[in-house]
Amino acid sequence: MSKPLEPGRPQDTVVTGSRMARLFDLRYVIAGLLGVYGVVLVIRGLLDGPEQLARAAGTAVNLWTGIGLVVVSVIFLVWARTRPLGIEVEEAE
């Protein structure tokens, strides 16, 4: 890892490039979108009444789909945290 930035000193471009690559990692975007949609569907599935359940043959489709999306979102987040993208920056000794 790199040292903390000192005020008034320019930042190394390699460190900036590595941070930007991690910031715009597509896995975080996908995880965020799937997580938001999953939470919305879980809430909707919990609020479904008997009429909606009857139309879905007794299965809480919204609830189960929402749970699945949240699980996939967590998998994407774990994957992005354990296998980061970008150039690994070593401290200059």
PDB file of N, CA and C in Angstrom:
ATOM      1  N   MET A   1       0.832  -1.163   0.000  1.00  0.00           N
ATOM      2  CA  MET A   1       0.000   0.000   0.000  1.00  0.00           C
ATOM      3  C   MET A   1       0.885   1.236   0.000  1.00  0.00           C
ATOM      4  N   SER A   2       0.321   2.338  -0.346  1.00  0.00           N
ATOM      5  CA  SER A   2       1.085   3.563  -0.424  1.00  0.00           C
ATOM      6  C   SER A   2       0.908   4.384   0.842  1.00  0.00           C
ATOM      7  N   LYS A   3       1.840   5.345   1.008  1.00  0.00           N
ATOM      8  CA  LYS A   3       1.787   6.232   2.165  1.00  0.00           C
ATOM      9  C   LYS A   3       0.624   7.198   2.001  1.00  0.00           C
ATOM     10  N   PRO A   4       0.139   7.753   3.107  1.00  0.00           N
ATOM     11  CA  PRO A   4      -0.911   8.763   2.984  1.00  0.00           C
ATOM     12  C   PRO A   4      -0.385   9.988   2.240  1.00  0.00           C
ATOM     13  N   LEU A   5      -1.280  10.664   1.571  1.00  0.00           N
ATOM     14  CA  LEU A   5      -0.894  11.837   0.794  1.00  0.00           C
ATOM     15  C   LEU A   5      -0.559  13.000   1.712  1.00  0.00           C
ATOM     16  N   GLU A   6       0.466  13.746   1.325  1.00  0.00           N
ATOM     17  CA  GLU A   6       0.824  14.949   2.061  1.00  0.00           C
ATOM     18  C   GLU A   6       0.235  16.137   1.321  1.00  0.00           C
ATOM     19  N   PRO A   7      -0.311  17.102   2.044  1.00  0.00           N
ATOM     20  CA  PRO A   7      -0.867  18.279   1.380  1.00  0.00           C
ATOM     21  C   PRO A   7       0.201  19.017   0.577  1.00  0.00           C
ATOM     22  N   GLY A   8      -0.154  19.421  -0.622  1.00  0.00           N
ATOM     23  CA  GLY A   8       0.765  20.193  -1.453  1.00  0.00           C
ATOM     24  C   GLY A   8       1.685  19.356  -2.330  1.00  0.00           C
ATOM     25  N   ARG A   9       1.703  18.034  -2.140  1.00  0.00           N
ATOM     26  CA  ARG A   9       2.549  17.172  -2.971  1.00  0.00           C
ATOM     27  C   ARG A   9       1.688  16.506  -4.031  1.00  0.00           C
ATOM     28  N   PRO A  10       2.186  16.451  -5.275  1.00  0.00           N
ATOM     29  CA  PRO A  10       1.411  15.777  -6.323  1.00  0.00           C
ATOM     30  C   PRO A  10       1.370  14.270  -6.073  1.00  0.00           C
ATOM     31  N   GLN A  11       0.268  13.671  -6.469  1.00  0.00           N
ATOM     32  CA  GLN A  11       0.105  12.235  -6.295  1.00  0.00           C
ATOM     33  C   GLN A  11       0.704  11.512  -7.488  1.00  0.00           C
ATOM     34  N   ASP A  12       1.260  10.340  -7.222  1.00  0.00           N
ATOM     35  CA  ASP A  12       1.846   9.513  -8.270  1.00  0.00           C
ATOM     36  C   ASP A  12       0.749   9.043  -9.219  1.00  0.00           C
ATOM     37  N   THR A  13       1.015   9.073 -10.524  1.00  0.00           N
ATOM     38  CA  THR A  13      -0.009   8.704 -11.501  1.00  0.00           C
ATOM     39  C   THR A  13      -0.338   7.220 -11.452  1.00  0.00           C
ATOM     40  N   VAL A  14       0.614   6.371 -11.070  1.00  0.00           N
ATOM     41  CA  VAL A  14       0.337   4.937 -10.979  1.00  0.00           C
ATOM     42  C   VAL A  14      -0.661   4.673  -9.866  1.00  0.00           C
ATOM     43  N   VAL A  15      -0.501   5.350  -8.748  1.00  0.00           N
ATOM     44  CA  VAL A  15      -1.427   5.176  -7.636  1.00  0.00           C
ATOM     45  C   VAL A  15      -2.804   5.668  -8.049  1.00  0.00           C
ATOM     46  N   THR A  16      -2.872   6.818  -8.720  1.00  0.00           N
ATOM     47  CA  THR A  16      -4.142   7.353  -9.174  1.00  0.00           C
ATOM     48  C   THR A  16      -4.807   6.404 -10.161  1.00  0.00           C
ATOM     49  N   GLY A  17      -4.067   5.878 -11.112  1.00  0.00           N
ATOM     50  CA  GLY A  17      -4.626   4.947 -12.088  1.00  0.00           C
ATOM     51  C   GLY A  17      -5.157   3.688 -11.444  1.00  0.00           C
ATOM     52  N   SER A  18      -4.447   3.179 -10.451  1.00  0.00           N
ATOM     53  CA  SER A  18      -4.880   1.970  -9.770  1.00  0.00           C
ATOM     54  C   SER A  18      -6.160   2.224  -8.988  1.00  0.00           C
ATOM     55  N   ARG A  19      -6.229   3.364  -8.322  1.00  0.00           N
ATOM     56  CA  ARG A  19      -7.434   3.689  -7.562  1.00  0.00           C
ATOM     57  C   ARG A  19      -8.619   3.900  -8.489  1.00  0.00           C
ATOM     58  N   MET A  20      -8.400   4.535  -9.621  1.00  0.00           N
ATOM     59  CA  MET A  20      -9.487   4.773 -10.564  1.00  0.00           C
ATOM     60  C   MET A  20      -9.989   3.457 -11.150  1.00  0.00           C
ATOM     61  N   ALA A  21      -9.072   2.512 -11.416  1.00  0.00           N
ATOM     62  CA  ALA A  21      -9.488   1.218 -11.952  1.00  0.00           C
ATOM     63  C   ALA A  21     -10.372   0.486 -10.949  1.00  0.00           C
ATOM     64  N   ARG A  22     -10.019   0.577  -9.657  1.00  0.00           N
ATOM     65  CA  ARG A  22     -10.840  -0.077  -8.645  1.00  0.00           C
ATOM     66  C   ARG A  22     -12.157   0.655  -8.447  1.00  0.00           C
ATOM     67  N   LEU A  23     -12.140   1.982  -8.579  1.00  0.00           N
ATOM     68  CA  LEU A  23     -13.352   2.767  -8.380  1.00  0.00           C
ATOM     69  C   LEU A  23     -14.391   2.450  -9.441  1.00  0.00           C
ATOM     70  N   PHE A  24     -13.967   2.272 -10.670  1.00  0.00           N
ATOM     71  CA  PHE A  24     -14.888   2.024 -11.768  1.00  0.00           C
ATOM     72  C   PHE A  24     -14.936   0.557 -12.167  1.00  0.00           C
ATOM     73  N   ASP A  25     -14.684  -0.313 -11.218  1.00  0.00           N
ATOM     74  CA  ASP A  25     -14.786  -1.744 -11.465  1.00  0.00           C
ATOM     75  C   ASP A  25     -16.260  -2.074 -11.729  1.00  0.00           C
ATOM     76  N   LEU A  26     -16.523  -2.712 -12.837  1.00  0.00           N
ATOM     77  CA  LEU A  26     -17.892  -3.001 -13.258  1.00  0.00           C
ATOM     78  C   LEU A  26     -18.614  -3.917 -12.278  1.00  0.00           C
ATOM     79  N   ARG A  27     -17.868  -4.716 -11.540  1.00  0.00           N
ATOM     80  CA  ARG A  27     -18.506  -5.627 -10.585  1.00  0.00           C
ATOM     81  C   ARG A  27     -19.215  -4.871  -9.470  1.00  0.00           C
ATOM     82  N   TYR A  28     -18.675  -3.714  -9.071  1.00  0.00           N
ATOM     83  CA  TYR A  28     -19.350  -2.904  -8.055  1.00  0.00           C
ATOM     84  C   TYR A  28     -20.651  -2.316  -8.600  1.00  0.00           C
ATOM     85  N   VAL A  29     -20.636  -1.887  -9.846  1.00  0.00           N
ATOM     86  CA  VAL A  29     -21.839  -1.330 -10.460  1.00  0.00           C
ATOM     87  C   VAL A  29     -22.916  -2.402 -10.572  1.00  0.00           C
ATOM     88  N   ILE A  30     -22.545  -3.575 -11.046  1.00  0.00           N
ATOM     89  CA  ILE A  30     -23.502  -4.676 -11.182  1.00  0.00           C
ATOM     90  C   ILE A  30     -24.041  -5.081  -9.811  1.00  0.00           C
ATOM     91  N   ALA A  31     -23.155  -5.179  -8.821  1.00  0.00           N
ATOM     92  CA  ALA A  31     -23.595  -5.550  -7.473  1.00  0.00           C
ATOM     93  C   ALA A  31     -24.559  -4.514  -6.911  1.00  0.00           C
ATOM     94  N   GLY A  32     -24.282  -3.246  -7.140  1.00  0.00           N
ATOM     95  CA  GLY A  32     -25.169  -2.198  -6.644  1.00  0.00           C
ATOM     96  C   GLY A  32     -26.542  -2.254  -7.280  1.00  0.00           C
ATOM     97  N   LEU A  33     -26.576  -2.414  -8.599  1.00  0.00           N
ATOM     98  CA  LEU A  33     -27.866  -2.477  -9.287  1.00  0.00           C
ATOM     99  C   LEU A  33     -28.662  -3.709  -8.881  1.00  0.00           C
ATOM    100  N   LEU A  34     -28.009  -4.854  -8.853  1.00  0.00           N
ATOM    101  CA  LEU A  34     -28.711  -6.074  -8.450  1.00  0.00           C
ATOM    102  C   LEU A  34     -29.178  -5.984  -7.005  1.00  0.00           C
ATOM    103  N   GLY A  35     -28.373  -5.357  -6.154  1.00  0.00           N
ATOM    104  CA  GLY A  35     -28.757  -5.204  -4.751  1.00  0.00           C
ATOM    105  C   GLY A  35     -29.980  -4.323  -4.590  1.00  0.00           C
ATOM    106  N   VAL A  36     -30.006  -3.199  -5.313  1.00  0.00           N
ATOM    107  CA  VAL A  36     -31.158  -2.292  -5.216  1.00  0.00           C
ATOM    108  C   VAL A  36     -32.416  -2.982  -5.731  1.00  0.00           C
ATOM    109  N   TYR A  37     -32.331  -3.602  -6.901  1.00  0.00           N
ATOM    110  CA  TYR A  37     -33.494  -4.305  -7.444  1.00  0.00           C
ATOM    111  C   TYR A  37     -33.928  -5.451  -6.530  1.00  0.00           C
ATOM    112  N   GLY A  38     -32.957  -6.143  -5.949  1.00  0.00           N
ATOM    113  CA  GLY A  38     -33.271  -7.244  -5.050  1.00  0.00           C
ATOM    114  C   GLY A  38     -34.007  -6.778  -3.806  1.00  0.00           C
ATOM    115  N   VAL A  39     -33.560  -5.673  -3.215  1.00  0.00           N
ATOM    116  CA  VAL A  39     -34.222  -5.144  -2.021  1.00  0.00           C
ATOM    117  C   VAL A  39     -35.644  -4.692  -2.358  1.00  0.00           C
ATOM    118  N   VAL A  40     -35.813  -4.048  -3.505  1.00  0.00           N
ATOM    119  CA  VAL A  40     -37.156  -3.621  -3.921  1.00  0.00           C
ATOM    120  C   VAL A  40     -38.070  -4.833  -4.081  1.00  0.00           C
ATOM    121  N   LEU A  41     -37.567  -5.887  -4.709  1.00  0.00           N
ATOM    122  CA  LEU A  41     -38.393  -7.080  -4.897  1.00  0.00           C
ATOM    123  C   LEU A  41     -38.679  -7.807  -3.590  1.00  0.00           C
ATOM    124  N   VAL A  42     -37.723  -7.810  -2.665  1.00  0.00           N
ATOM    125  CA  VAL A  42     -37.973  -8.434  -1.362  1.00  0.00           C
ATOM    126  C   VAL A  42     -39.078  -7.680  -0.633  1.00  0.00           C
ATOM    127  N   ILE A  43     -39.011  -6.350  -0.637  1.00  0.00           N
ATOM    128  CA  ILE A  43     -40.060  -5.556   0.005  1.00  0.00           C
ATOM    129  C   ILE A  43     -41.404  -5.805  -0.673  1.00  0.00           C
ATOM    130  N   ARG A  44     -41.392  -5.802  -1.995  1.00  0.00           N
ATOM    131  CA  ARG A  44     -42.632  -6.051  -2.742  1.00  0.00           C
ATOM    132  C   ARG A  44     -43.169  -7.460  -2.448  1.00  0.00           C
ATOM    133  N   GLY A  45     -42.277  -8.431  -2.357  1.00  0.00           N
ATOM    134  CA  GLY A  45     -42.690  -9.800  -2.067  1.00  0.00           C
ATOM    135  C   GLY A  45     -43.274  -9.948  -0.680  1.00  0.00           C
ATOM    136  N   LEU A  46     -42.751  -9.178   0.287  1.00  0.00           N
ATOM    137  CA  LEU A  46     -43.306  -9.227   1.636  1.00  0.00           C
ATOM    138  C   LEU A  46     -44.673  -8.562   1.719  1.00  0.00           C
ATOM    139  N   LEU A  47     -44.931  -7.614   0.815  1.00  0.00           N
ATOM    140  CA  LEU A  47     -46.206  -6.901   0.827  1.00  0.00           C
ATOM    141  C   LEU A  47     -47.258  -7.524  -0.085  1.00  0.00           C
ATOM    142  N   ASP A  48     -46.896  -8.564  -0.826  1.00  0.00           N
ATOM    143  CA  ASP A  48     -47.866  -9.209  -1.718  1.00  0.00           C
ATOM    144  C   ASP A  48     -49.022  -9.799  -0.920  1.00  0.00           C
ATOM    145  N   GLY A  49     -50.207  -9.607  -1.439  1.00  0.00           N
ATOM    146  CA  GLY A  49     -51.398 -10.137  -0.789  1.00  0.00           C
ATOM    147  C   GLY A  49     -51.774 -11.498  -1.356  1.00  0.00           C
ATOM    148  N   PRO A  50     -52.857 -12.054  -0.896  1.00  0.00           N
ATOM    149  CA  PRO A  50     -53.286 -13.371  -1.360  1.00  0.00           C
ATOM    150  C   PRO A  50     -53.656 -13.396  -2.847  1.00  0.00           C
ATOM    151  N   GLU A  51     -54.112 -12.250  -3.373  1.00  0.00           N
ATOM    152  CA  GLU A  51     -54.464 -12.208  -4.794  1.00  0.00           C
ATOM    153  C   GLU A  51     -53.230 -12.402  -5.679  1.00  0.00           C
ATOM    154  N   GLN A  52     -52.130 -11.719  -5.319  1.00  0.00           N
ATOM    155  CA  GLN A  52     -50.893 -11.868  -6.106  1.00  0.00           C
ATOM    156  C   GLN A  52     -50.327 -13.284  -5.961  1.00  0.00           C
ATOM    157  N   LEU A  53     -50.430 -13.847  -4.775  1.00  0.00           N
ATOM    158  CA  LEU A  53     -49.946 -15.220  -4.582  1.00  0.00           C
ATOM    159  C   LEU A  53     -50.791 -16.209  -5.373  1.00  0.00           C
ATOM    160  N   ALA A  54     -52.087 -15.978  -5.473  1.00  0.00           N
ATOM    161  CA  ALA A  54     -52.959 -16.878  -6.234  1.00  0.00           C
ATOM    162  C   ALA A  54     -52.616 -16.820  -7.723  1.00  0.00           C
ATOM    163  N   ARG A  55     -52.268 -15.620  -8.216  1.00  0.00           N
ATOM    164  CA  ARG A  55     -51.897 -15.499  -9.634  1.00  0.00           C
ATOM    165  C   ARG A  55     -50.574 -16.191  -9.928  1.00  0.00           C
ATOM    166  N   ALA A  56     -49.724 -16.338  -8.916  1.00  0.00           N
ATOM    167  CA  ALA A  56     -48.422 -16.975  -9.108  1.00  0.00           C
ATOM    168  C   ALA A  56     -48.432 -18.423  -8.627  1.00  0.00           C
ATOM    169  N   ALA A  57     -49.586 -19.038  -8.574  1.00  0.00           N
ATOM    170  CA  ALA A  57     -49.752 -20.445  -8.176  1.00  0.00           C
ATOM    171  C   ALA A  57     -49.241 -20.686  -6.758  1.00  0.00           C
ATOM    172  N   GLY A  58     -49.416 -19.692  -5.877  1.00  0.00           N
ATOM    173  CA  GLY A  58     -49.046 -19.861  -4.476  1.00  0.00           C
ATOM    174  C   GLY A  58     -47.588 -19.637  -4.155  1.00  0.00           C
ATOM    175  N   THR A  59     -46.808 -19.255  -5.122  1.00  0.00           N
ATOM    176  CA  THR A  59     -45.382 -19.032  -4.913  1.00  0.00           C
ATOM    177  C   THR A  59     -45.112 -17.530  -4.826  1.00  0.00           C
ATOM    178  N   ALA A  60     -44.322 -17.117  -3.848  1.00  0.00           N
ATOM    179  CA  ALA A  60     -43.954 -15.708  -3.699  1.00  0.00           C
ATOM    180  C   ALA A  60     -42.792 -15.413  -4.647  1.00  0.00           C
ATOM    181  N   VAL A  61     -43.116 -15.211  -5.909  1.00  0.00           N
ATOM    182  CA  VAL A  61     -42.094 -15.036  -6.949  1.00  0.00           C
ATOM    183  C   VAL A  61     -41.241 -13.801  -6.680  1.00  0.00           C
ATOM    184  N   ASN A  62     -41.885 -12.686  -6.325  1.00  0.00           N
ATOM    185  CA  ASN A  62     -41.127 -11.465  -6.067  1.00  0.00           C
ATOM    186  C   ASN A  62     -40.149 -11.653  -4.911  1.00  0.00           C
ATOM    187  N   LEU A  63     -40.604 -12.306  -3.856  1.00  0.00           N
ATOM    188  CA  LEU A  63     -39.760 -12.523  -2.689  1.00  0.00           C
ATOM    189  C   LEU A  63     -38.548 -13.386  -3.035  1.00  0.00           C
ATOM    190  N   TRP A  64     -38.786 -14.508  -3.694  1.00  0.00           N
ATOM    191  CA  TRP A  64     -37.681 -15.412  -4.014  1.00  0.00           C
ATOM    192  C   TRP A  64     -36.722 -14.826  -5.043  1.00  0.00           C
ATOM    193  N   THR A  65     -37.250 -14.087  -6.010  1.00  0.00           N
ATOM    194  CA  THR A  65     -36.382 -13.436  -6.988  1.00  0.00           C
ATOM    195  C   THR A  65     -35.549 -12.356  -6.314  1.00  0.00           C
ATOM    196  N   GLY A  66     -36.159 -11.600  -5.402  1.00  0.00           N
ATOM    197  CA  GLY A  66     -35.426 -10.567  -4.666  1.00  0.00           C
ATOM    198  C   GLY A  66     -34.318 -11.150  -3.811  1.00  0.00           C
ATOM    199  N   ILE A  67     -34.616 -12.247  -3.127  1.00  0.00           N
ATOM    200  CA  ILE A  67     -33.590 -12.910  -2.312  1.00  0.00           C
ATOM    201  C   ILE A  67     -32.450 -13.387  -3.196  1.00  0.00           C
ATOM    202  N   GLY A  68     -32.785 -13.955  -4.346  1.00  0.00           N
ATOM    203  CA  GLY A  68     -31.751 -14.409  -5.275  1.00  0.00           C
ATOM    204  C   GLY A  68     -30.882 -13.263  -5.770  1.00  0.00           C
ATOM    205  N   LEU A  69     -31.494 -12.131  -6.084  1.00  0.00           N
ATOM    206  CA  LEU A  69     -30.724 -10.974  -6.548  1.00  0.00           C
ATOM    207  C   LEU A  69     -29.808 -10.429  -5.455  1.00  0.00           C
ATOM    208  N   VAL A  70     -30.293 -10.399  -4.226  1.00  0.00           N
ATOM    209  CA  VAL A  70     -29.452  -9.926  -3.123  1.00  0.00           C
ATOM    210  C   VAL A  70     -28.266 -10.872  -2.913  1.00  0.00           C
ATOM    211  N   VAL A  71     -28.502 -12.165  -3.013  1.00  0.00           N
ATOM    212  CA  VAL A  71     -27.413 -13.138  -2.857  1.00  0.00           C
ATOM    213  C   VAL A  71     -26.377 -12.966  -3.970  1.00  0.00           C
ATOM    214  N   VAL A  72     -26.823 -12.812  -5.196  1.00  0.00           N
ATOM    215  CA  VAL A  72     -25.891 -12.609  -6.313  1.00  0.00           C
ATOM    216  C   VAL A  72     -25.137 -11.294  -6.142  1.00  0.00           C
ATOM    217  N   SER A  73     -25.801 -10.274  -5.631  1.00  0.00           N
ATOM    218  CA  SER A  73     -25.144  -8.992  -5.370  1.00  0.00           C
ATOM    219  C   SER A  73     -24.024  -9.151  -4.341  1.00  0.00           C
ATOM    220  N   VAL A  74     -24.288  -9.891  -3.283  1.00  0.00           N
ATOM    221  CA  VAL A  74     -23.263 -10.130  -2.261  1.00  0.00           C
ATOM    222  C   VAL A  74     -22.103 -10.926  -2.856  1.00  0.00           C
ATOM    223  N   ILE A  75     -22.392 -11.885  -3.717  1.00  0.00           N
ATOM    224  CA  ILE A  75     -21.328 -12.661  -4.373  1.00  0.00           C
ATOM    225  C   ILE A  75     -20.445 -11.741  -5.218  1.00  0.00           C
ATOM    226  N   PHE A  76     -21.062 -10.818  -5.970  1.00  0.00           N
ATOM    227  CA  PHE A  76     -20.288  -9.872  -6.770  1.00  0.00           C
ATOM    228  C   PHE A  76     -19.420  -8.989  -5.879  1.00  0.00           C
ATOM    229  N   LEU A  77     -19.950  -8.526  -4.750  1.00  0.00           N
ATOM    230  CA  LEU A  77     -19.164  -7.684  -3.853  1.00  0.00           C
ATOM    231  C   LEU A  77     -17.981  -8.445  -3.259  1.00  0.00           C
ATOM    232  N   VAL A  78     -18.219  -9.680  -2.841  1.00  0.00           N
ATOM    233  CA  VAL A  78     -17.126 -10.495  -2.293  1.00  0.00           C
ATOM    234  C   VAL A  78     -16.073 -10.750  -3.364  1.00  0.00           C
ATOM    235  N   TRP A  79     -16.503 -11.039  -4.577  1.00  0.00           N
ATOM    236  CA  TRP A  79     -15.578 -11.278  -5.680  1.00  0.00           C
ATOM    237  C   TRP A  79     -14.733 -10.035  -5.963  1.00  0.00           C
ATOM    238  N   ALA A  80     -15.360  -8.874  -5.971  1.00  0.00           N
ATOM    239  CA  ALA A  80     -14.635  -7.636  -6.251  1.00  0.00           C
ATOM    240  C   ALA A  80     -13.657  -7.305  -5.129  1.00  0.00           C
ATOM    241  N   ARG A  81     -14.004  -7.615  -3.884  1.00  0.00           N
ATOM    242  CA  ARG A  81     -13.114  -7.308  -2.761  1.00  0.00           C
ATOM    243  C   ARG A  81     -11.950  -8.294  -2.675  1.00  0.00           C
ATOM    244  N   THR A  82     -12.188  -9.563  -3.015  1.00  0.00           N
ATOM    245  CA  THR A  82     -11.117 -10.555  -2.882  1.00  0.00           C
ATOM    246  C   THR A  82     -10.200 -10.597  -4.095  1.00  0.00           C
ATOM    247  N   ARG A  83     -10.674 -10.202  -5.263  1.00  0.00           N
ATOM    248  CA  ARG A  83      -9.865 -10.198  -6.481  1.00  0.00           C
ATOM    249  C   ARG A  83      -9.908  -8.813  -7.128  1.00  0.00           C
ATOM    250  N   PRO A  84      -9.226  -7.810  -6.520  1.00  0.00           N
ATOM    251  CA  PRO A  84      -9.301  -6.450  -7.059  1.00  0.00           C
ATOM    252  C   PRO A  84      -8.608  -6.328  -8.410  1.00  0.00           C
ATOM    253  N   LEU A  85      -9.076  -5.372  -9.192  1.00  0.00           N
ATOM    254  CA  LEU A  85      -8.467  -5.075 -10.476  1.00  0.00           C
ATOM    255  C   LEU A  85      -7.385  -4.029 -10.310  1.00  0.00           C
ATOM    256  N   GLY A  86      -6.626  -3.822 -11.355  1.00  0.00           N
ATOM    257  CA  GLY A  86      -5.666  -2.724 -11.358  1.00  0.00           C
ATOM    258  C   GLY A  86      -4.261  -3.180 -11.037  1.00  0.00           C
ATOM    259  N   ILE A  87      -3.369  -2.243 -11.131  1.00  0.00           N
ATOM    260  CA  ILE A  87      -1.958  -2.476 -10.865  1.00  0.00           C
ATOM    261  C   ILE A  87      -1.744  -2.438  -9.363  1.00  0.00           C
ATOM    262  N   GLU A  88      -1.096  -3.447  -8.843  1.00  0.00           N
ATOM    263  CA  GLU A  88      -0.763  -3.432  -7.439  1.00  0.00           C
ATOM    264  C   GLU A  88       0.424  -2.495  -7.237  1.00  0.00           C
ATOM    265  N   VAL A  89       0.247  -1.540  -6.372  1.00  0.00           N
ATOM    266  CA  VAL A  89       1.263  -0.524  -6.156  1.00  0.00           C
ATOM    267  C   VAL A  89       2.061  -0.899  -4.907  1.00  0.00           C
ATOM    268  N   GLU A  90       3.385  -0.974  -5.083  1.00  0.00           N
ATOM    269  CA  GLU A  90       4.252  -1.281  -3.965  1.00  0.00           C
ATOM    270  C   GLU A  90       4.905   0.007  -3.485  1.00  0.00           C
ATOM    271  N   GLU A  91       5.195   0.038  -2.197  1.00  0.00           N
ATOM    272  CA  GLU A  91       5.824   1.233  -1.651  1.00  0.00           C
ATOM    273  C   GLU A  91       7.238   1.370  -2.172  1.00  0.00           C
ATOM    274  N   ALA A  92       7.601   2.596  -2.502  1.00  0.00           N
ATOM    275  CA  ALA A  92       8.976   2.882  -2.922  1.00  0.00           C
ATOM    276  C   ALA A  92       9.824   2.949  -1.669  1.00  0.00           C
ATOM    277  N   GLU A  93      10.836   2.135  -1.617  1.00  0.00           N
ATOM    278  CA  GLU A  93      11.663   2.076  -0.398  1.00  0.00           C
ATOM    279  C   GLU A  93      12.874   2.937  -0.539  1.00  0.00           C
TER     280      GLU A  93
END
